[in-house]
Full PDB file with SEQRES, HELIX, SHEET, SSBOND, CRYST1, ORIGX, SCALE, CONECT and MASTER records, all heavy atoms in Angstrom:
SEQRES   1 A   32  THR ILE MET ILE VAL ILE GLY VAL LEU LEU ILE ILE LYS          
SEQRES   2 A   32  THR GLU TRP PHE VAL GLN ASN PHE GLY THR ASN ALA TRP          
SEQRES   3 A   32  ALA GLU GLU LYS LEU GLY                                      
HELIX    1 AA1 ILE A    2  ILE A   12  1                                  11    
HELIX    2 AA2 THR A   14  PHE A   21  1                                   8    
HELIX    3 AA3 ALA A   25  LEU A   31  1                                   7    
CRYST1    1.000    1.000    1.000  90.00  90.00  90.00 P 1           1          
ORIGX1      1.000000  0.000000  0.000000        0.00000                         
ORIGX2      0.000000  1.000000  0.000000        0.00000                         
ORIGX3      0.000000  0.000000  1.000000        0.00000                         
SCALE1      1.000000  0.000000  0.000000        0.00000                         
SCALE2      0.000000  1.000000  0.000000        0.00000                         
SCALE3      0.000000  0.000000  1.000000        0.00000                         
ATOM      1  N   THR A   1       0.830  -1.207   0.000  1.00  0.00           N  
ATOM      2  CA  THR A   1       0.000   0.000   0.000  1.00  0.00           C  
ATOM      3  C   THR A   1       0.862   1.253   0.000  1.00  0.00           C  
ATOM      4  O   THR A   1       0.550   2.226  -0.713  1.00  0.00           O  
ATOM      5  CB  THR A   1      -0.935  -0.006   1.224  1.00  0.00           C  
ATOM      6  OG1 THR A   1      -1.696  -1.220   1.218  1.00  0.00           O  
ATOM      7  CG2 THR A   1      -1.874   1.177   1.195  1.00  0.00           C  
ATOM      8  N   ILE A   2       1.935   1.251   0.759  1.00  0.00           N  
ATOM      9  CA  ILE A   2       2.845   2.402   0.771  1.00  0.00           C  
ATOM     10  C   ILE A   2       3.467   2.598  -0.611  1.00  0.00           C  
ATOM     11  O   ILE A   2       3.576   3.731  -1.100  1.00  0.00           O  
ATOM     12  CB  ILE A   2       3.926   2.230   1.856  1.00  0.00           C  
ATOM     13  CG1 ILE A   2       3.299   2.364   3.240  1.00  0.00           C  
ATOM     14  CG2 ILE A   2       5.051   3.241   1.681  1.00  0.00           C  
ATOM     15  CD1 ILE A   2       4.215   1.997   4.380  1.00  0.00           C  
ATOM     16  N   MET A   3       3.847   1.507  -1.269  1.00  0.00           N  
ATOM     17  CA  MET A   3       4.409   1.615  -2.616  1.00  0.00           C  
ATOM     18  C   MET A   3       3.393   2.174  -3.595  1.00  0.00           C  
ATOM     19  O   MET A   3       3.733   3.003  -4.458  1.00  0.00           O  
ATOM     20  CB  MET A   3       4.910   0.248  -3.085  1.00  0.00           C  
ATOM     21  CG  MET A   3       6.173  -0.208  -2.399  1.00  0.00           C  
ATOM     22  SD  MET A   3       6.708  -1.834  -2.951  1.00  0.00           S  
ATOM     23  CE  MET A   3       7.197  -1.475  -4.622  1.00  0.00           C  
ATOM     24  N   ILE A   4       2.149   1.748  -3.492  1.00  0.00           N  
ATOM     25  CA  ILE A   4       1.098   2.258  -4.372  1.00  0.00           C  
ATOM     26  C   ILE A   4       0.881   3.741  -4.139  1.00  0.00           C  
ATOM     27  O   ILE A   4       0.762   4.525  -5.090  1.00  0.00           O  
ATOM     28  CB  ILE A   4      -0.199   1.447  -4.187  1.00  0.00           C  
ATOM     29  CG1 ILE A   4      -0.004   0.030  -4.727  1.00  0.00           C  
ATOM     30  CG2 ILE A   4      -1.372   2.138  -4.873  1.00  0.00           C  
ATOM     31  CD1 ILE A   4      -1.141  -0.914  -4.422  1.00  0.00           C  
ATOM     32  N   VAL A   5       0.847   4.157  -2.882  1.00  0.00           N  
ATOM     33  CA  VAL A   5       0.654   5.578  -2.567  1.00  0.00           C  
ATOM     34  C   VAL A   5       1.815   6.417  -3.094  1.00  0.00           C  
ATOM     35  O   VAL A   5       1.610   7.499  -3.666  1.00  0.00           O  
ATOM     36  CB  VAL A   5       0.458   5.766  -1.040  1.00  0.00           C  
ATOM     37  CG1 VAL A   5       0.533   7.224  -0.648  1.00  0.00           C  
ATOM     38  CG2 VAL A   5      -0.854   5.153  -0.597  1.00  0.00           C  
ATOM     39  N   ILE A   6       3.045   5.930  -2.931  1.00  0.00           N  
ATOM     40  CA  ILE A   6       4.211   6.652  -3.458  1.00  0.00           C  
ATOM     41  C   ILE A   6       4.122   6.761  -4.976  1.00  0.00           C  
ATOM     42  O   ILE A   6       4.398   7.820  -5.552  1.00  0.00           O  
ATOM     43  CB  ILE A   6       5.520   5.964  -3.018  1.00  0.00           C  
ATOM     44  CG1 ILE A   6       5.741   6.149  -1.521  1.00  0.00           C  
ATOM     45  CG2 ILE A   6       6.707   6.505  -3.807  1.00  0.00           C  
ATOM     46  CD1 ILE A   6       6.886   5.336  -0.965  1.00  0.00           C  
ATOM     47  N   GLY A   7       3.721   5.686  -5.640  1.00  0.00           N  
ATOM     48  CA  GLY A   7       3.573   5.715  -7.090  1.00  0.00           C  
ATOM     49  C   GLY A   7       2.526   6.715  -7.548  1.00  0.00           C  
ATOM     50  O   GLY A   7       2.739   7.459  -8.508  1.00  0.00           O  
ATOM     51  N   VAL A   8       1.397   6.749  -6.853  1.00  0.00           N  
ATOM     52  CA  VAL A   8       0.346   7.704  -7.203  1.00  0.00           C  
ATOM     53  C   VAL A   8       0.834   9.131  -6.994  1.00  0.00           C  
ATOM     54  O   VAL A   8       0.585  10.023  -7.822  1.00  0.00           O  
ATOM     55  CB  VAL A   8      -0.935   7.409  -6.398  1.00  0.00           C  
ATOM     56  CG1 VAL A   8      -1.943   8.535  -6.524  1.00  0.00           C  
ATOM     57  CG2 VAL A   8      -1.550   6.093  -6.840  1.00  0.00           C  
ATOM     58  N   LEU A   9       1.539   9.373  -5.894  1.00  0.00           N  
ATOM     59  CA  LEU A   9       2.077  10.715  -5.647  1.00  0.00           C  
ATOM     60  C   LEU A   9       3.097  11.121  -6.706  1.00  0.00           C  
ATOM     61  O   LEU A   9       3.136  12.281  -7.134  1.00  0.00           O  
ATOM     62  CB  LEU A   9       2.709  10.796  -4.261  1.00  0.00           C  
ATOM     63  CG  LEU A   9       1.739  10.846  -3.083  1.00  0.00           C  
ATOM     64  CD1 LEU A   9       2.491  10.788  -1.770  1.00  0.00           C  
ATOM     65  CD2 LEU A   9       0.875  12.087  -3.157  1.00  0.00           C  
ATOM     66  N   LEU A  10       3.936  10.182  -7.132  1.00  0.00           N  
ATOM     67  CA  LEU A  10       4.910  10.487  -8.180  1.00  0.00           C  
ATOM     68  C   LEU A  10       4.215  10.867  -9.486  1.00  0.00           C  
ATOM     69  O   LEU A  10       4.683  11.745 -10.212  1.00  0.00           O  
ATOM     70  CB  LEU A  10       5.834   9.294  -8.424  1.00  0.00           C  
ATOM     71  CG  LEU A  10       7.014   9.142  -7.488  1.00  0.00           C  
ATOM     72  CD1 LEU A  10       7.694   7.802  -7.714  1.00  0.00           C  
ATOM     73  CD2 LEU A  10       8.001  10.257  -7.688  1.00  0.00           C  
ATOM     74  N   ILE A  11       3.112  10.218  -9.786  1.00  0.00           N  
ATOM     75  CA  ILE A  11       2.404  10.513 -11.021  1.00  0.00           C  
ATOM     76  C   ILE A  11       1.641  11.833 -10.913  1.00  0.00           C  
ATOM     77  O   ILE A  11       1.683  12.654 -11.834  1.00  0.00           O  
ATOM     78  CB  ILE A  11       1.457   9.350 -11.389  1.00  0.00           C  
ATOM     79  CG1 ILE A  11       2.288   8.132 -11.791  1.00  0.00           C  
ATOM     80  CG2 ILE A  11       0.512   9.751 -12.513  1.00  0.00           C  
ATOM     81  CD1 ILE A  11       1.485   6.887 -12.006  1.00  0.00           C  
ATOM     82  N   ILE A  12       0.960  12.050  -9.812  1.00  0.00           N  
ATOM     83  CA  ILE A  12       0.132  13.252  -9.670  1.00  0.00           C  
ATOM     84  C   ILE A  12       0.981  14.498  -9.457  1.00  0.00           C  
ATOM     85  O   ILE A  12       0.706  15.551 -10.031  1.00  0.00           O  
ATOM     86  CB  ILE A  12      -0.876  13.066  -8.520  1.00  0.00           C  
ATOM     87  CG1 ILE A  12      -1.890  11.997  -8.899  1.00  0.00           C  
ATOM     88  CG2 ILE A  12      -1.581  14.376  -8.205  1.00  0.00           C  
ATOM     89  CD1 ILE A  12      -2.846  11.631  -7.788  1.00  0.00           C  
ATOM     90  N   LYS A  13       2.006  14.411  -8.648  1.00  0.00           N  
ATOM     91  CA  LYS A  13       2.819  15.575  -8.276  1.00  0.00           C  
ATOM     92  C   LYS A  13       4.152  15.606  -9.023  1.00  0.00           C  
ATOM     93  O   LYS A  13       5.168  16.021  -8.475  1.00  0.00           O  
ATOM     94  CB  LYS A  13       3.084  15.573  -6.765  1.00  0.00           C  
ATOM     95  CG  LYS A  13       1.835  15.668  -5.928  1.00  0.00           C  
ATOM     96  CD  LYS A  13       1.206  17.022  -6.096  1.00  0.00           C  
ATOM     97  CE  LYS A  13       0.031  17.190  -5.167  1.00  0.00           C  
ATOM     98  NZ  LYS A  13      -0.605  18.481  -5.308  1.00  0.00           N  
ATOM     99  N   THR A  14       4.161  15.202 -10.277  1.00  0.00           N  
ATOM    100  CA  THR A  14       5.394  15.170 -11.060  1.00  0.00           C  
ATOM    101  C   THR A  14       6.047  16.542 -11.154  1.00  0.00           C  
ATOM    102  O   THR A  14       7.256  16.682 -10.994  1.00  0.00           O  
ATOM    103  CB  THR A  14       5.097  14.634 -12.471  1.00  0.00           C  
ATOM    104  OG1 THR A  14       4.559  13.328 -12.348  1.00  0.00           O  
ATOM    105  CG2 THR A  14       6.347  14.590 -13.312  1.00  0.00           C  
ATOM    106  N   GLU A  15       5.246  17.551 -11.422  1.00  0.00           N  
ATOM    107  CA  GLU A  15       5.800  18.899 -11.580  1.00  0.00           C  
ATOM    108  C   GLU A  15       6.449  19.374 -10.291  1.00  0.00           C  
ATOM    109  O   GLU A  15       7.498  20.022 -10.323  1.00  0.00           O  
ATOM    110  CB  GLU A  15       4.695  19.870 -12.008  1.00  0.00           C  
ATOM    111  CG  GLU A  15       5.203  21.228 -12.410  1.00  0.00           C  
ATOM    112  CD  GLU A  15       6.149  21.167 -13.607  1.00  0.00           C  
ATOM    113  OE1 GLU A  15       5.972  20.317 -14.490  1.00  0.00           O  
ATOM    114  OE2 GLU A  15       7.087  21.982 -13.633  1.00  0.00           O  
ATOM    115  N   TRP A  16       5.887  19.056  -9.136  1.00  0.00           N  
ATOM    116  CA  TRP A  16       6.476  19.443  -7.849  1.00  0.00           C  
ATOM    117  C   TRP A  16       7.839  18.782  -7.676  1.00  0.00           C  
ATOM    118  O   TRP A  16       8.795  19.417  -7.242  1.00  0.00           O  
ATOM    119  CB  TRP A  16       5.538  19.052  -6.710  1.00  0.00           C  
ATOM    120  CG  TRP A  16       6.057  19.452  -5.372  1.00  0.00           C  
ATOM    121  CD1 TRP A  16       5.901  20.656  -4.754  1.00  0.00           C  
ATOM    122  CD2 TRP A  16       6.851  18.648  -4.478  1.00  0.00           C  
ATOM    123  NE1 TRP A  16       6.538  20.642  -3.535  1.00  0.00           N  
ATOM    124  CE2 TRP A  16       7.124  19.427  -3.342  1.00  0.00           C  
ATOM    125  CE3 TRP A  16       7.342  17.354  -4.534  1.00  0.00           C  
ATOM    126  CZ2 TRP A  16       7.865  18.945  -2.273  1.00  0.00           C  
ATOM    127  CZ3 TRP A  16       8.081  16.876  -3.467  1.00  0.00           C  
ATOM    128  CH2 TRP A  16       8.342  17.677  -2.357  1.00  0.00           C  
ATOM    129  N   PHE A  17       7.931  17.496  -8.011  1.00  0.00           N  
ATOM    130  CA  PHE A  17       9.213  16.792  -7.895  1.00  0.00           C  
ATOM    131  C   PHE A  17      10.257  17.400  -8.827  1.00  0.00           C  
ATOM    132  O   PHE A  17      11.411  17.559  -8.449  1.00  0.00           O  
ATOM    133  CB  PHE A  17       9.046  15.301  -8.200  1.00  0.00           C  
ATOM    134  CG  PHE A  17       8.466  14.515  -7.067  1.00  0.00           C  
ATOM    135  CD1 PHE A  17       7.136  14.103  -7.083  1.00  0.00           C  
ATOM    136  CD2 PHE A  17       9.236  14.177  -5.976  1.00  0.00           C  
ATOM    137  CE1 PHE A  17       6.601  13.386  -6.052  1.00  0.00           C  
ATOM    138  CE2 PHE A  17       8.708  13.457  -4.922  1.00  0.00           C  
ATOM    139  CZ  PHE A  17       7.380  13.060  -4.955  1.00  0.00           C  
ATOM    140  N   VAL A  18       9.867  17.738 -10.048  1.00  0.00           N  
ATOM    141  CA  VAL A  18      10.818  18.314 -10.999  1.00  0.00           C  
ATOM    142  C   VAL A  18      11.277  19.688 -10.519  1.00  0.00           C  
ATOM    143  O   VAL A  18      12.463  20.017 -10.610  1.00  0.00           O  
ATOM    144  CB  VAL A  18      10.191  18.391 -12.405  1.00  0.00           C  
ATOM    145  CG1 VAL A  18      11.076  19.177 -13.361  1.00  0.00           C  
ATOM    146  CG2 VAL A  18       9.952  16.992 -12.953  1.00  0.00           C  
ATOM    147  N   GLN A  19      10.369  20.500  -9.996  1.00  0.00           N  
ATOM    148  CA  GLN A  19      10.738  21.825  -9.517  1.00  0.00           C  
ATOM    149  C   GLN A  19      11.653  21.756  -8.304  1.00  0.00           C  
ATOM    150  O   GLN A  19      12.558  22.582  -8.154  1.00  0.00           O  
ATOM    151  CB  GLN A  19       9.490  22.632  -9.171  1.00  0.00           C  
ATOM    152  CG  GLN A  19       8.723  23.087 -10.381  1.00  0.00           C  
ATOM    153  CD  GLN A  19       7.448  23.821 -10.005  1.00  0.00           C  
ATOM    154  OE1 GLN A  19       7.104  23.927  -8.836  1.00  0.00           O  
ATOM    155  NE2 GLN A  19       6.752  24.320 -11.014  1.00  0.00           N  
ATOM    156  N   ASN A  20      11.442  20.798  -7.424  1.00  0.00           N  
ATOM    157  CA  ASN A  20      12.227  20.725  -6.196  1.00  0.00           C  
ATOM    158  C   ASN A  20      13.530  19.946  -6.338  1.00  0.00           C  
ATOM    159  O   ASN A  20      14.495  20.234  -5.628  1.00  0.00           O  
ATOM    160  CB  ASN A  20      11.393  20.114  -5.067  1.00  0.00           C  
ATOM    161  CG  ASN A  20      10.366  21.088  -4.561  1.00  0.00           C  
ATOM    162  OD1 ASN A  20      10.699  22.176  -4.126  1.00  0.00           O  
ATOM    163  ND2 ASN A  20       9.107  20.704  -4.651  1.00  0.00           N  
ATOM    164  N   PHE A  21      13.581  18.972  -7.221  1.00  0.00           N  
ATOM    165  CA  PHE A  21      14.780  18.145  -7.357  1.00  0.00           C  
ATOM    166  C   PHE A  21      15.528  18.377  -8.652  1.00  0.00           C  
ATOM    167  O   PHE A  21      16.621  17.848  -8.842  1.00  0.00           O  
ATOM    168  CB  PHE A  21      14.415  16.661  -7.228  1.00  0.00           C  
ATOM    169  CG  PHE A  21      13.859  16.314  -5.873  1.00  0.00           C  
ATOM    170  CD1 PHE A  21      12.517  15.977  -5.729  1.00  0.00           C  
ATOM    171  CD2 PHE A  21      14.651  16.348  -4.747  1.00  0.00           C  
ATOM    172  CE1 PHE A  21      11.992  15.663  -4.486  1.00  0.00           C  
ATOM    173  CE2 PHE A  21      14.138  16.036  -3.508  1.00  0.00           C  
ATOM    174  CZ  PHE A  21      12.812  15.694  -3.373  1.00  0.00           C  
ATOM    175  N   GLY A  22      14.959  19.135  -9.572  1.00  0.00           N  
ATOM    176  CA  GLY A  22      15.629  19.455 -10.817  1.00  0.00           C  
ATOM    177  C   GLY A  22      15.405  18.405 -11.888  1.00  0.00           C  
ATOM    178  O   GLY A  22      14.736  17.397 -11.685  1.00  0.00           O  
ATOM    179  N   THR A  23      16.002  18.671 -13.034  1.00  0.00           N  
ATOM    180  CA  THR A  23      15.832  17.759 -14.161  1.00  0.00           C  
ATOM    181  C   THR A  23      16.964  16.734 -14.195  1.00  0.00           C  
ATOM    182  O   THR A  23      17.998  16.902 -13.574  1.00  0.00           O  
ATOM    183  CB  THR A  23      15.820  18.544 -15.492  1.00  0.00           C  
ATOM    184  OG1 THR A  23      17.047  19.250 -15.616  1.00  0.00           O  
ATOM    185  CG2 THR A  23      14.654  19.508 -15.547  1.00  0.00           C  
ATOM    186  N   ASN A  24      16.731  15.694 -14.958  1.00  0.00           N  
ATOM    187  CA  ASN A  24      17.701  14.624 -15.125  1.00  0.00           C  
ATOM    188  C   ASN A  24      18.236  14.717 -16.549  1.00  0.00           C  
ATOM    189  O   ASN A  24      17.483  14.604 -17.513  1.00  0.00           O  
ATOM    190  CB  ASN A  24      17.000  13.281 -14.893  1.00  0.00           C  
ATOM    191  CG  ASN A  24      17.939  12.121 -14.929  1.00  0.00           C  
ATOM    192  OD1 ASN A  24      18.922  12.113 -15.660  1.00  0.00           O  
ATOM    193  ND2 ASN A  24      17.635  11.108 -14.148  1.00  0.00           N  
ATOM    194  N   ALA A  25      19.535  14.928 -16.698  1.00  0.00           N  
ATOM    195  CA  ALA A  25      20.131  15.126 -18.019  1.00  0.00           C  
ATOM    196  C   ALA A  25      19.951  13.901 -18.907  1.00  0.00           C  
ATOM    197  O   ALA A  25      19.658  14.022 -20.101  1.00  0.00           O  
ATOM    198  CB  ALA A  25      21.612  15.466 -17.880  1.00  0.00           C  
ATOM    199  N   TRP A  26      20.106  12.704 -18.344  1.00  0.00           N  
ATOM    200  CA  TRP A  26      19.954  11.497 -19.137  1.00  0.00           C  
ATOM    201  C   TRP A  26      18.528  11.372 -19.660  1.00  0.00           C  
ATOM    202  O   TRP A  26      18.305  11.045 -20.831  1.00  0.00           O  
ATOM    203  CB  TRP A  26      20.312  10.263 -18.306  1.00  0.00           C  
ATOM    204  CG  TRP A  26      20.138   8.993 -19.070  1.00  0.00           C  
ATOM    205  CD1 TRP A  26      21.063   8.398 -19.875  1.00  0.00           C  
ATOM    206  CD2 TRP A  26      18.971   8.174 -19.123  1.00  0.00           C  
ATOM    207  NE1 TRP A  26      20.538   7.255 -20.424  1.00  0.00           N  
ATOM    208  CE2 TRP A  26      19.261   7.103 -19.980  1.00  0.00           C  
ATOM    209  CE3 TRP A  26      17.713   8.241 -18.539  1.00  0.00           C  
ATOM    210  CZ2 TRP A  26      18.328   6.110 -20.263  1.00  0.00           C  
ATOM    211  CZ3 TRP A  26      16.783   7.256 -18.825  1.00  0.00           C  
ATOM    212  CH2 TRP A  26      17.099   6.193 -19.681  1.00  0.00           C  
ATOM    213  N   ALA A  27      17.549  11.630 -18.791  1.00  0.00           N  
ATOM    214  CA  ALA A  27      16.152  11.520 -19.197  1.00  0.00           C  
ATOM    215  C   ALA A  27      15.792  12.567 -20.238  1.00  0.00           C  
ATOM    216  O   ALA A  27      15.049  12.284 -21.179  1.00  0.00           O  
ATOM    217  CB  ALA A  27      15.248  11.657 -17.973  1.00  0.00           C  
ATOM    218  N   GLU A  28      16.319  13.765 -20.093  1.00  0.00           N  
ATOM    219  CA  GLU A  28      16.038  14.809 -21.070  1.00  0.00           C  
ATOM    220  C   GLU A  28      16.623  14.457 -22.433  1.00  0.00           C  
ATOM    221  O   GLU A  28      16.027  14.746 -23.466  1.00  0.00           O  
ATOM    222  CB  GLU A  28      16.600  16.153 -20.597  1.00  0.00           C  
ATOM    223  CG  GLU A  28      15.931  16.712 -19.365  1.00  0.00           C  
ATOM    224  CD  GLU A  28      14.467  17.066 -19.573  1.00  0.00           C  
ATOM    225  OE1 GLU A  28      14.098  17.481 -20.686  1.00  0.00           O  
ATOM    226  OE2 GLU A  28      13.694  16.914 -18.613  1.00  0.00           O  
ATOM    227  N   GLU A  29      17.787  13.810 -22.441  1.00  0.00           N  
ATOM    228  CA  GLU A  29      18.429  13.450 -23.708  1.00  0.00           C  
ATOM    229  C   GLU A  29      17.759  12.249 -24.363  1.00  0.00           C  
ATOM    230  O   GLU A  29      17.515  12.252 -25.572  1.00  0.00           O  
ATOM    231  CB  GLU A  29      19.904  13.142 -23.462  1.00  0.00           C  
ATOM    232  CG  GLU A  29      20.664  12.755 -24.709  1.00  0.00           C  
ATOM    233  CD  GLU A  29      22.090  12.351 -24.400  1.00  0.00           C  
ATOM    234  OE1 GLU A  29      22.637  12.813 -23.386  1.00  0.00           O  
ATOM    235  OE2 GLU A  29      22.641  11.559 -25.192  1.00  0.00           O  
ATOM    236  N   LYS A  30      17.451  11.226 -23.574  1.00  0.00           N  
ATOM    237  CA  LYS A  30      16.974   9.972 -24.141  1.00  0.00           C  
ATOM    238  C   LYS A  30      15.456   9.888 -24.277  1.00  0.00           C  
ATOM    239  O   LYS A  30      14.957   9.196 -25.159  1.00  0.00           O  
ATOM    240  CB  LYS A  30      17.444   8.786 -23.280  1.00  0.00           C  
ATOM    241  CG  LYS A  30      18.936   8.685 -23.129  1.00  0.00           C  
ATOM    242  CD  LYS A  30      19.610   8.357 -24.424  1.00  0.00           C  
ATOM    243  CE  LYS A  30      21.099   8.170 -24.186  1.00  0.00           C  
ATOM    244  NZ  LYS A  30      21.844   8.028 -25.408  1.00  0.00           N  
ATOM    245  N   LEU A  31      14.705  10.550 -23.391  1.00  0.00           N  
ATOM    246  CA  LEU A  31      13.254  10.382 -23.374  1.00  0.00           C  
ATOM    247  C   LEU A  31      12.483  11.555 -23.953  1.00  0.00           C  
ATOM    248  O   LEU A  31      11.278  11.468 -24.118  1.00  0.00           O  
ATOM    249  CB  LEU A  31      12.776  10.119 -21.940  1.00  0.00           C  
ATOM    250  CG  LEU A  31      13.334   8.870 -21.282  1.00  0.00           C  
ATOM    251  CD1 LEU A  31      12.850   8.773 -19.855  1.00  0.00           C  
ATOM    252  CD2 LEU A  31      12.937   7.632 -22.053  1.00  0.00           C  
ATOM    253  N   GLY A  32      13.123  12.647 -24.227  1.00  0.00           N  
ATOM    254  CA  GLY A  32      12.430  13.786 -24.787  1.00  0.00           C  
ATOM    255  C   GLY A  32      13.208  15.058 -24.544  1.00  0.00           C  
ATOM    256  O   GLY A  32      14.017  15.140 -23.624  1.00  0.00           O  
TER     257      GLY A  32                                                      
MASTER        0    0    0    3    0    0    0    6  256    1    0    3          
END                                                                             
């Protein structure tokens, strides 16, 4: 249940995570 809640939060609050932790250079290059 904790894993499911963390997954839902990662999906819903993606923009918050990106703003607070920054971007990932590898993901920006390979995924878009």
